[in-house]
Amino acid sequence: MPLLAVDGIELSYERSGAGADPLLLIMGMSGTMLHWSDPFLDLLRPDFDVIAYDHRGVGSSTRLEGTTSIAQLAADAAGLLRELEIPRAHVFGMSMGGMVAQELALAHPESVRTLTLGCTYCGGPGSALGDEETMRRLTEAMGSGDRAAALRAAWEANIGEGLVDDEDAYARFLAIADRYAVAVPVVMAQMRAVLRHDTHDRLPAVRASTLVLHGTADKMLPVQNGRMIAELIPGARLHTFDDVGHLFFWERPERSAELIGAHAHAGGVAA
């Protein structure tokens, strides 16, 4: 995967698809560009110029030294678009990537053609992080030293009941983890950035046409976050996936791609 120099660092990225309109995908905490997964990407590629990348500290991107912030990661995203000579893009950010996408839309509104926010969080009053039981299981599994147990706990925390026992899907998840393992210090730095994230009072300033997607069975960032974000952003639309977990685009790839495509087309025409 090629590397692109962006404001003193290098970001690893992949560009694919037959469409003319650029679609920037911003991944979440501890994720890599591989986590978008081909079954989902293949549904976007006919209609978009799809750009996926790895955050600093992830994959082949420049190593993360010290701390990071959601604002810094948003500046990286803006710099990537600039260096690719893309003045405006449709943007889809999920989880932590949705937080980055919020900051991108606020700090660099000229770069965002339409905005899709998936299973994400804005901080402030009324927001909620993962439920106590899910966090306990994840913490215990990660602290056990048993990598297989940690990966299984992560899978169960991110996937709804409809897919959690699908052996083929879990095998894809494990293969991604084997190919690209995100270092624990990077995950911890990303987690600290998430805990400091707060756009609650600024979201009414977002002007991009916005779609909010969220699974009702999300254990990592409960669906109340998506409902609140949709209320705070003027004109935003909310679509929920019943009984679906955090990685909704793994569980409902066809519907997810359909919604993102329709939103981008409608927003692009309006723009």
C-alpha atoms as a PDB file:
ATOM      1  CA  MET A   1       0.000   0.000   0.000  1.00  0.00           C
ATOM      2  CA  PRO A   2       1.428   3.402  -0.929  1.00  0.00           C
ATOM      3  CA  LEU A   3       2.619   5.966   1.586  1.00  0.00           C
ATOM      4  CA  LEU A   4       1.812   9.661   1.281  1.00  0.00           C
ATOM      5  CA  ALA A   5       3.732  12.481   2.977  1.00  0.00           C
ATOM      6  CA  VAL A   6       1.294  14.586   5.021  1.00  0.00           C
ATOM      7  CA  ASP A   7       2.517  17.462   7.196  1.00  0.00           C
ATOM      8  CA  GLY A   8       5.716  15.776   8.325  1.00  0.00           C
ATOM      9  CA  ILE A   9       4.405  12.221   8.651  1.00  0.00           C
ATOM     10  CA  GLU A  10       3.494   9.454   6.216  1.00  0.00           C
ATOM     11  CA  LEU A  11       0.068   7.864   5.953  1.00  0.00           C
ATOM     12  CA  SER A  12      -0.546   4.493   4.362  1.00  0.00           C
ATOM     13  CA  TYR A  13      -3.591   4.524   2.116  1.00  0.00           C
ATOM     14  CA  GLU A  14      -5.450   2.601  -0.550  1.00  0.00           C
ATOM     15  CA  ARG A  15      -7.467   4.096  -3.381  1.00  0.00           C
ATOM     16  CA  SER A  16      -9.863   1.903  -5.342  1.00  0.00           C
ATOM     17  CA  GLY A  17     -13.154   2.000  -7.199  1.00  0.00           C
ATOM     18  CA  ALA A  18     -14.620   2.988 -10.530  1.00  0.00           C
ATOM     19  CA  GLY A  19     -16.664   6.006  -9.433  1.00  0.00           C
ATOM     20  CA  ALA A  20     -15.719   9.637  -9.958  1.00  0.00           C
ATOM     21  CA  ASP A  21     -16.835  10.946  -6.552  1.00  0.00           C
ATOM     22  CA  PRO A  22     -14.240  10.511  -3.776  1.00  0.00           C
ATOM     23  CA  LEU A  23     -15.379   8.799  -0.577  1.00  0.00           C
ATOM     24  CA  LEU A  24     -13.014   9.024   2.396  1.00  0.00           C
ATOM     25  CA  LEU A  25     -13.352   6.239   4.971  1.00  0.00           C
ATOM     26  CA  ILE A  26     -12.093   7.003   8.497  1.00  0.00           C
ATOM     27  CA  MET A  27     -11.591   3.940  10.695  1.00  0.00           C
ATOM     28  CA  GLY A  28     -12.172   3.610  14.422  1.00  0.00           C
ATOM     29  CA  MET A  29     -10.052   2.861  17.471  1.00  0.00           C
ATOM     30  CA  SER A  30      -7.665  -0.102  17.146  1.00  0.00           C
ATOM     31  CA  GLY A  31      -8.852  -0.615  13.565  1.00  0.00           C
ATOM     32  CA  THR A  32      -6.938  -0.672  10.288  1.00  0.00           C
ATOM     33  CA  MET A  33      -8.011  -0.003   6.730  1.00  0.00           C
ATOM     34  CA  LEU A  34      -8.412  -3.781   6.355  1.00  0.00           C
ATOM     35  CA  HIS A  35     -11.289  -3.736   8.829  1.00  0.00           C
ATOM     36  CA  TRP A  36     -13.523  -2.104   6.217  1.00  0.00           C
ATOM     37  CA  SER A  37     -13.474  -5.592   4.660  1.00  0.00           C
ATOM     38  CA  ASP A  38     -13.924  -6.343   0.964  1.00  0.00           C
ATOM     39  CA  PRO A  39     -17.574  -7.512   1.204  1.00  0.00           C
ATOM     40  CA  PHE A  40     -18.459  -3.923   2.205  1.00  0.00           C
ATOM     41  CA  LEU A  41     -15.890  -2.118   0.034  1.00  0.00           C
ATOM     42  CA  ASP A  42     -16.914  -4.067  -3.077  1.00  0.00           C
ATOM     43  CA  LEU A  43     -20.388  -2.570  -2.740  1.00  0.00           C
ATOM     44  CA  LEU A  44     -18.994   0.987  -2.673  1.00  0.00           C
ATOM     45  CA  ARG A  45     -16.358   0.669  -5.393  1.00  0.00           C
ATOM     46  CA  PRO A  46     -18.675   0.757  -8.435  1.00  0.00           C
ATOM     47  CA  ASP A  47     -19.993   4.203  -7.434  1.00  0.00           C
ATOM     48  CA  PHE A  48     -17.066   5.864  -5.649  1.00  0.00           C
ATOM     49  CA  ASP A  49     -13.381   6.604  -5.728  1.00  0.00           C
ATOM     50  CA  VAL A  50     -12.875   4.939  -2.331  1.00  0.00           C
ATOM     51  CA  ILE A  51     -10.004   6.169  -0.144  1.00  0.00           C
ATOM     52  CA  ALA A  52      -9.149   4.188   2.981  1.00  0.00           C
ATOM     53  CA  TYR A  53      -6.111   4.879   5.143  1.00  0.00           C
ATOM     54  CA  ASP A  54      -4.407   3.999   8.410  1.00  0.00           C
ATOM     55  CA  HIS A  55      -4.105   6.527  11.222  1.00  0.00           C
ATOM     56  CA  ARG A  56      -0.653   7.517  12.466  1.00  0.00           C
ATOM     57  CA  GLY A  57       0.724   4.630  14.520  1.00  0.00           C
ATOM     58  CA  VAL A  58      -1.263   2.029  12.561  1.00  0.00           C
ATOM     59  CA  GLY A  59      -0.025  -0.329   9.841  1.00  0.00           C
ATOM     60  CA  SER A  60       2.687   1.242   7.697  1.00  0.00           C
ATOM     61  CA  SER A  61       1.806   4.815   8.655  1.00  0.00           C
ATOM     62  CA  THR A  62       4.352   6.797  10.682  1.00  0.00           C
ATOM     63  CA  ARG A  63       4.797   5.511  14.229  1.00  0.00           C
ATOM     64  CA  LEU A  64       2.887   7.367  16.904  1.00  0.00           C
ATOM     65  CA  GLU A  65       5.193   9.066  19.363  1.00  0.00           C
ATOM     66  CA  GLY A  66       3.482  10.027  22.605  1.00  0.00           C
ATOM     67  CA  THR A  67      -0.126  11.163  22.630  1.00  0.00           C
ATOM     68  CA  THR A  68      -2.621  12.049  19.939  1.00  0.00           C
ATOM     69  CA  SER A  69      -5.976  13.823  19.792  1.00  0.00           C
ATOM     70  CA  ILE A  70      -9.098  13.657  17.684  1.00  0.00           C
ATOM     71  CA  ALA A  71      -8.264  17.131  16.347  1.00  0.00           C
ATOM     72  CA  GLN A  72      -4.804  15.949  15.275  1.00  0.00           C
ATOM     73  CA  LEU A  73      -6.275  12.919  13.506  1.00  0.00           C
ATOM     74  CA  ALA A  74      -8.776  15.212  11.753  1.00  0.00           C
ATOM     75  CA  ALA A  75      -5.885  17.396  10.575  1.00  0.00           C
ATOM     76  CA  ASP A  76      -4.241  14.232   9.198  1.00  0.00           C
ATOM     77  CA  ALA A  77      -7.427  13.429   7.266  1.00  0.00           C
ATOM     78  CA  ALA A  78      -7.598  16.951   5.853  1.00  0.00           C
ATOM     79  CA  GLY A  79      -3.926  16.769   4.895  1.00  0.00           C
ATOM     80  CA  LEU A  80      -4.435  13.441   3.150  1.00  0.00           C
ATOM     81  CA  LEU A  81      -7.208  14.903   0.993  1.00  0.00           C
ATOM     82  CA  ARG A  82      -5.062  17.948   0.238  1.00  0.00           C
ATOM     83  CA  GLU A  83      -2.046  15.869  -0.819  1.00  0.00           C
ATOM     84  CA  LEU A  84      -4.271  13.664  -2.980  1.00  0.00           C
ATOM     85  CA  GLU A  85      -5.533  16.896  -4.607  1.00  0.00           C
ATOM     86  CA  ILE A  86      -9.120  16.181  -3.603  1.00  0.00           C
ATOM     87  CA  PRO A  87     -10.786  19.500  -2.742  1.00  0.00           C
ATOM     88  CA  ARG A  88     -14.011  17.936  -1.410  1.00  0.00           C
ATOM     89  CA  ALA A  89     -14.990  14.386  -0.519  1.00  0.00           C
ATOM     90  CA  HIS A  90     -17.899  12.446   0.828  1.00  0.00           C
ATOM     91  CA  VAL A  91     -16.777  11.318   4.292  1.00  0.00           C
ATOM     92  CA  PHE A  92     -17.783   8.228   6.283  1.00  0.00           C
ATOM     93  CA  GLY A  93     -16.297   7.849   9.754  1.00  0.00           C
ATOM     94  CA  MET A  94     -17.114   5.043  12.158  1.00  0.00           C
ATOM     95  CA  SER A  95     -16.675   4.957  15.935  1.00  0.00           C
ATOM     96  CA  MET A  96     -13.475   6.934  16.727  1.00  0.00           C
ATOM     97  CA  GLY A  97     -13.363   7.655  12.997  1.00  0.00           C
ATOM     98  CA  GLY A  98     -16.781   9.261  13.358  1.00  0.00           C
ATOM     99  CA  MET A  99     -15.325  11.544  16.004  1.00  0.00           C
ATOM    100  CA  VAL A 100     -12.507  12.424  13.607  1.00  0.00           C
ATOM    101  CA  ALA A 101     -15.104  13.063  10.898  1.00  0.00           C
ATOM    102  CA  GLN A 102     -17.002  15.432  13.220  1.00  0.00           C
ATOM    103  CA  GLU A 103     -13.836  17.460  13.820  1.00  0.00           C
ATOM    104  CA  LEU A 104     -13.024  17.394  10.107  1.00  0.00           C
ATOM    105  CA  ALA A 105     -16.456  18.796   9.259  1.00  0.00           C
ATOM    106  CA  LEU A 106     -16.081  21.515  11.896  1.00  0.00           C
ATOM    107  CA  ALA A 107     -12.458  22.527  11.280  1.00  0.00           C
ATOM    108  CA  HIS A 108     -12.341  21.950   7.509  1.00  0.00           C
ATOM    109  CA  PRO A 109     -15.937  22.332   6.288  1.00  0.00           C
ATOM    110  CA  GLU A 110     -14.757  23.083   2.762  1.00  0.00           C
ATOM    111  CA  SER A 111     -13.326  19.537   2.525  1.00  0.00           C
ATOM    112  CA  VAL A 112     -16.560  17.691   3.370  1.00  0.00           C
ATOM    113  CA  ARG A 113     -19.168  17.260   0.650  1.00  0.00           C
ATOM    114  CA  THR A 114     -21.443  14.989   2.681  1.00  0.00           C
ATOM    115  CA  LEU A 115     -20.960  13.430   6.100  1.00  0.00           C
ATOM    116  CA  THR A 116     -21.921   9.959   7.310  1.00  0.00           C
ATOM    117  CA  LEU A 117     -21.323   9.178  10.980  1.00  0.00           C
ATOM    118  CA  GLY A 118     -21.453   5.554  12.076  1.00  0.00           C
ATOM    119  CA  CYS A 119     -21.802   4.178  15.621  1.00  0.00           C
ATOM    120  CA  THR A 120     -20.021   7.177  17.104  1.00  0.00           C
ATOM    121  CA  TYR A 121     -20.029   9.609  20.023  1.00  0.00           C
ATOM    122  CA  CYS A 122     -19.846  13.371  20.581  1.00  0.00           C
ATOM    123  CA  GLY A 123     -19.145  13.626  24.311  1.00  0.00           C
ATOM    124  CA  GLY A 124     -20.903  16.072  26.570  1.00  0.00           C
ATOM    125  CA  PRO A 125     -24.136  15.622  28.530  1.00  0.00           C
ATOM    126  CA  GLY A 126     -26.223  12.622  27.545  1.00  0.00           C
ATOM    127  CA  SER A 127     -23.392  10.722  25.832  1.00  0.00           C
ATOM    128  CA  ALA A 128     -22.496   7.202  26.945  1.00  0.00           C
ATOM    129  CA  LEU A 129     -19.500   4.942  26.471  1.00  0.00           C
ATOM    130  CA  GLY A 130     -19.626   1.144  26.495  1.00  0.00           C
ATOM    131  CA  ASP A 131     -21.665  -0.644  29.135  1.00  0.00           C
ATOM    132  CA  GLU A 132     -19.887  -1.793  32.280  1.00  0.00           C
ATOM    133  CA  GLU A 133     -20.207  -5.543  31.600  1.00  0.00           C
ATOM    134  CA  THR A 134     -18.784  -5.266  28.077  1.00  0.00           C
ATOM    135  CA  MET A 135     -15.863  -3.159  29.278  1.00  0.00           C
ATOM    136  CA  ARG A 136     -15.176  -5.614  32.121  1.00  0.00           C
ATOM    137  CA  ARG A 137     -15.040  -8.578  29.749  1.00  0.00           C
ATOM    138  CA  LEU A 138     -12.777  -6.734  27.328  1.00  0.00           C
ATOM    139  CA  THR A 139     -10.438  -5.572  30.079  1.00  0.00           C
ATOM    140  CA  GLU A 140     -10.182  -9.043  31.617  1.00  0.00           C
ATOM    141  CA  ALA A 141      -9.551 -10.710  28.259  1.00  0.00           C
ATOM    142  CA  MET A 142      -6.915  -8.196  27.193  1.00  0.00           C
ATOM    143  CA  GLY A 143      -5.187  -8.414  30.561  1.00  0.00           C
ATOM    144  CA  SER A 144      -5.151 -12.220  30.572  1.00  0.00           C
ATOM    145  CA  GLY A 145      -2.218 -12.526  28.166  1.00  0.00           C
ATOM    146  CA  ASP A 146      -4.318 -14.914  26.067  1.00  0.00           C
ATOM    147  CA  ARG A 147      -4.413 -13.342  22.600  1.00  0.00           C
ATOM    148  CA  ALA A 148      -7.108 -15.724  21.343  1.00  0.00           C
ATOM    149  CA  ALA A 149      -9.356 -14.826  24.270  1.00  0.00           C
ATOM    150  CA  ALA A 150      -8.746 -11.110  23.726  1.00  0.00           C
ATOM    151  CA  LEU A 151      -9.662 -11.330  20.039  1.00  0.00           C
ATOM    152  CA  ARG A 152     -12.800 -13.329  20.779  1.00  0.00           C
ATOM    153  CA  ALA A 153     -13.868 -10.807  23.413  1.00  0.00           C
ATOM    154  CA  ALA A 154     -13.305  -7.960  20.950  1.00  0.00           C
ATOM    155  CA  TRP A 155     -15.384  -9.765  18.317  1.00  0.00           C
ATOM    156  CA  GLU A 156     -18.259 -10.394  20.726  1.00  0.00           C
ATOM    157  CA  ALA A 157     -18.204  -6.777  21.918  1.00  0.00           C
ATOM    158  CA  ASN A 158     -18.409  -5.390  18.383  1.00  0.00           C
ATOM    159  CA  ILE A 159     -20.854  -7.777  16.669  1.00  0.00           C
ATOM    160  CA  GLY A 160     -24.539  -8.402  17.249  1.00  0.00           C
ATOM    161  CA  GLU A 161     -26.127 -11.772  17.902  1.00  0.00           C
ATOM    162  CA  GLY A 162     -26.963 -12.285  14.231  1.00  0.00           C
ATOM    163  CA  LEU A 163     -23.303 -12.590  13.159  1.00  0.00           C
ATOM    164  CA  VAL A 164     -21.373 -13.389  16.318  1.00  0.00           C
ATOM    165  CA  ASP A 165     -21.370 -17.160  15.678  1.00  0.00           C
ATOM    166  CA  ASP A 166     -20.662 -16.906  11.932  1.00  0.00           C
ATOM    167  CA  GLU A 167     -17.404 -18.857  11.513  1.00  0.00           C
ATOM    168  CA  ASP A 168     -16.522 -17.361   8.125  1.00  0.00           C
ATOM    169  CA  ALA A 169     -16.943 -13.799   9.376  1.00  0.00           C
ATOM    170  CA  TYR A 170     -14.896 -14.514  12.487  1.00  0.00           C
ATOM    171  CA  ALA A 171     -12.165 -16.101  10.358  1.00  0.00           C
ATOM    172  CA  ARG A 172     -11.969 -12.865   8.322  1.00  0.00           C
ATOM    173  CA  PHE A 173     -11.729 -10.878  11.544  1.00  0.00           C
ATOM    174  CA  LEU A 174      -8.885 -13.083  12.813  1.00  0.00           C
ATOM    175  CA  ALA A 175      -7.044 -12.906   9.492  1.00  0.00           C
ATOM    176  CA  ILE A 176      -7.057  -9.103   9.667  1.00  0.00           C
ATOM    177  CA  ALA A 177      -5.710  -9.200  13.223  1.00  0.00           C
ATOM    178  CA  ASP A 178      -2.939 -11.581  12.145  1.00  0.00           C
ATOM    179  CA  ARG A 179      -1.941  -9.357   9.226  1.00  0.00           C
ATOM    180  CA  TYR A 180      -2.028  -6.012  11.088  1.00  0.00           C
ATOM    181  CA  ALA A 181      -1.819  -5.910  14.864  1.00  0.00           C
ATOM    182  CA  VAL A 182      -2.214  -2.405  16.316  1.00  0.00           C
ATOM    183  CA  ALA A 183       0.264  -1.857  19.149  1.00  0.00           C
ATOM    184  CA  VAL A 184      -1.209  -1.578  22.654  1.00  0.00           C
ATOM    185  CA  PRO A 185       0.369   1.874  23.312  1.00  0.00           C
ATOM    186  CA  VAL A 186      -1.313   3.174  20.139  1.00  0.00           C
ATOM    187  CA  VAL A 187      -4.692   1.786  21.197  1.00  0.00           C
ATOM    188  CA  MET A 188      -4.267   3.373  24.624  1.00  0.00           C
ATOM    189  CA  ALA A 189      -3.344   6.733  23.067  1.00  0.00           C
ATOM    190  CA  GLN A 190      -6.423   6.514  20.837  1.00  0.00           C
ATOM    191  CA  MET A 191      -8.565   5.646  23.855  1.00  0.00           C
ATOM    192  CA  ARG A 192      -7.324   8.697  25.733  1.00  0.00           C
ATOM    193  CA  ALA A 193      -8.130  10.815  22.675  1.00  0.00           C
ATOM    194  CA  VAL A 194     -11.661   9.375  22.605  1.00  0.00           C
ATOM    195  CA  LEU A 195     -12.181  10.105  26.300  1.00  0.00           C
ATOM    196  CA  ARG A 196     -11.193  13.755  25.736  1.00  0.00           C
ATOM    197  CA  HIS A 197     -13.411  14.144  22.656  1.00  0.00           C
ATOM    198  CA  ASP A 198     -16.287  16.616  23.023  1.00  0.00           C
ATOM    199  CA  THR A 199     -18.057  18.244  20.088  1.00  0.00           C
ATOM    200  CA  HIS A 200     -21.453  18.340  21.786  1.00  0.00           C
ATOM    201  CA  ASP A 201     -21.834  22.106  21.878  1.00  0.00           C
ATOM    202  CA  ARG A 202     -20.235  22.622  18.454  1.00  0.00           C
ATOM    203  CA  LEU A 203     -22.231  20.121  16.398  1.00  0.00           C
ATOM    204  CA  PRO A 204     -24.982  22.641  15.565  1.00  0.00           C
ATOM    205  CA  ALA A 205     -22.321  24.412  13.477  1.00  0.00           C
ATOM    206  CA  VAL A 206     -21.930  21.433  11.109  1.00  0.00           C
ATOM    207  CA  ARG A 207     -23.203  22.453   7.691  1.00  0.00           C
ATOM    208  CA  ALA A 208     -22.524  19.298   5.691  1.00  0.00           C
ATOM    209  CA  SER A 209     -25.522  17.150   4.804  1.00  0.00           C
ATOM    210  CA  THR A 210     -25.328  14.461   7.497  1.00  0.00           C
ATOM    211  CA  LEU A 211     -26.518  10.868   7.859  1.00  0.00           C
ATOM    212  CA  VAL A 212     -26.138   9.073  11.201  1.00  0.00           C
ATOM    213  CA  LEU A 213     -26.061   5.257  11.235  1.00  0.00           C
ATOM    214  CA  HIS A 214     -26.168   3.175  14.416  1.00  0.00           C
ATOM    215  CA  GLY A 215     -26.949  -0.378  15.487  1.00  0.00           C
ATOM    216  CA  THR A 216     -29.518  -0.653  18.266  1.00  0.00           C
ATOM    217  CA  ALA A 217     -27.504  -3.484  19.886  1.00  0.00           C
ATOM    218  CA  ASP A 218     -24.219  -1.533  19.912  1.00  0.00           C
ATOM    219  CA  LYS A 219     -22.370  -2.466  23.134  1.00  0.00           C
ATOM    220  CA  MET A 220     -19.372  -0.208  22.541  1.00  0.00           C
ATOM    221  CA  LEU A 221     -21.193   3.098  21.987  1.00  0.00           C
ATOM    222  CA  PRO A 222     -24.917   2.762  22.770  1.00  0.00           C
ATOM    223  CA  VAL A 223     -27.466   3.917  20.222  1.00  0.00           C
ATOM    224  CA  GLN A 224     -28.473   6.903  22.382  1.00  0.00           C
ATOM    225  CA  ASN A 225     -25.268   8.548  21.092  1.00  0.00           C
ATOM    226  CA  GLY A 226     -26.412   8.336  17.497  1.00  0.00           C
ATOM    227  CA  ARG A 227     -29.844   9.681  18.347  1.00  0.00           C
ATOM    228  CA  MET A 228     -28.347  12.662  20.154  1.00  0.00           C
ATOM    229  CA  ILE A 229     -25.873  13.458  17.370  1.00  0.00           C
ATOM    230  CA  ALA A 230     -28.701  13.416  14.824  1.00  0.00           C
ATOM    231  CA  GLU A 231     -30.638  15.870  16.990  1.00  0.00           C
ATOM    232  CA  LEU A 232     -27.673  18.223  17.395  1.00  0.00           C
ATOM    233  CA  ILE A 233     -26.637  18.508  13.719  1.00  0.00           C
ATOM    234  CA  PRO A 234     -29.084  20.645  11.732  1.00  0.00           C
ATOM    235  CA  GLY A 235     -31.020  18.606   9.189  1.00  0.00           C
ATOM    236  CA  ALA A 236     -29.263  15.326  10.048  1.00  0.00           C
ATOM    237  CA  ARG A 237     -31.062  12.064   9.354  1.00  0.00           C
ATOM    238  CA  LEU A 238     -30.815   8.975  11.569  1.00  0.00           C
ATOM    239  CA  HIS A 239     -31.054   5.348  10.455  1.00  0.00           C
ATOM    240  CA  THR A 240     -30.849   2.577  13.037  1.00  0.00           C
ATOM    241  CA  PHE A 241     -30.205  -1.108  12.381  1.00  0.00           C
ATOM    242  CA  ASP A 242     -32.363  -3.233  14.648  1.00  0.00           C
ATOM    243  CA  ASP A 243     -30.493  -5.843  16.732  1.00  0.00           C
ATOM    244  CA  VAL A 244     -27.175  -4.968  15.052  1.00  0.00           C
ATOM    245  CA  GLY A 245     -23.929  -4.244  16.887  1.00  0.00           C
ATOM    246  CA  HIS A 246     -21.065  -1.777  16.586  1.00  0.00           C
ATOM    247  CA  LEU A 247     -19.645  -3.048  13.281  1.00  0.00           C
ATOM    248  CA  PHE A 248     -22.949  -2.632  11.473  1.00  0.00           C
ATOM    249  CA  PHE A 249     -21.290  -2.611   8.042  1.00  0.00           C
ATOM    250  CA  TRP A 250     -20.061  -6.164   8.699  1.00  0.00           C
ATOM    251  CA  GLU A 251     -23.550  -7.289   9.659  1.00  0.00           C
ATOM    252  CA  ARG A 252     -25.508  -5.252   7.066  1.00  0.00           C
ATOM    253  CA  PRO A 253     -23.020  -4.453   4.277  1.00  0.00           C
ATOM    254  CA  GLU A 254     -25.591  -4.161   1.482  1.00  0.00           C
ATOM    255  CA  ARG A 255     -27.930  -1.832   3.385  1.00  0.00           C
ATOM    256  CA  SER A 256     -25.021   0.210   4.750  1.00  0.00           C
ATOM    257  CA  ALA A 257     -23.575   0.771   1.274  1.00  0.00           C
ATOM    258  CA  GLU A 258     -27.016   1.559  -0.106  1.00  0.00           C
ATOM    259  CA  LEU A 259     -27.674   4.201   2.551  1.00  0.00           C
ATOM    260  CA  ILE A 260     -24.239   5.807   2.192  1.00  0.00           C
ATOM    261  CA  GLY A 261     -24.573   5.901  -1.593  1.00  0.00           C
ATOM    262  CA  ALA A 262     -28.067   7.406  -1.552  1.00  0.00           C
ATOM    263  CA  HIS A 263     -27.020  10.003   1.004  1.00  0.00           C
ATOM    264  CA  ALA A 264     -23.931  10.994  -0.992  1.00  0.00           C
ATOM    265  CA  HIS A 265     -25.933  11.267  -4.204  1.00  0.00           C
ATOM    266  CA  ALA A 266     -28.674  13.367  -2.599  1.00  0.00           C
ATOM    267  CA  GLY A 267     -26.190  15.605  -0.814  1.00  0.00           C
ATOM    268  CA  GLY A 268     -24.018  15.966  -3.890  1.00  0.00           C
ATOM    269  CA  VAL A 269     -26.969  17.016  -6.018  1.00  0.00           C
ATOM    270  CA  ALA A 270     -28.061  19.516  -3.362  1.00  0.00           C
ATOM    271  CA  ALA A 271     -24.540  20.914  -3.150  1.00  0.00           C
END
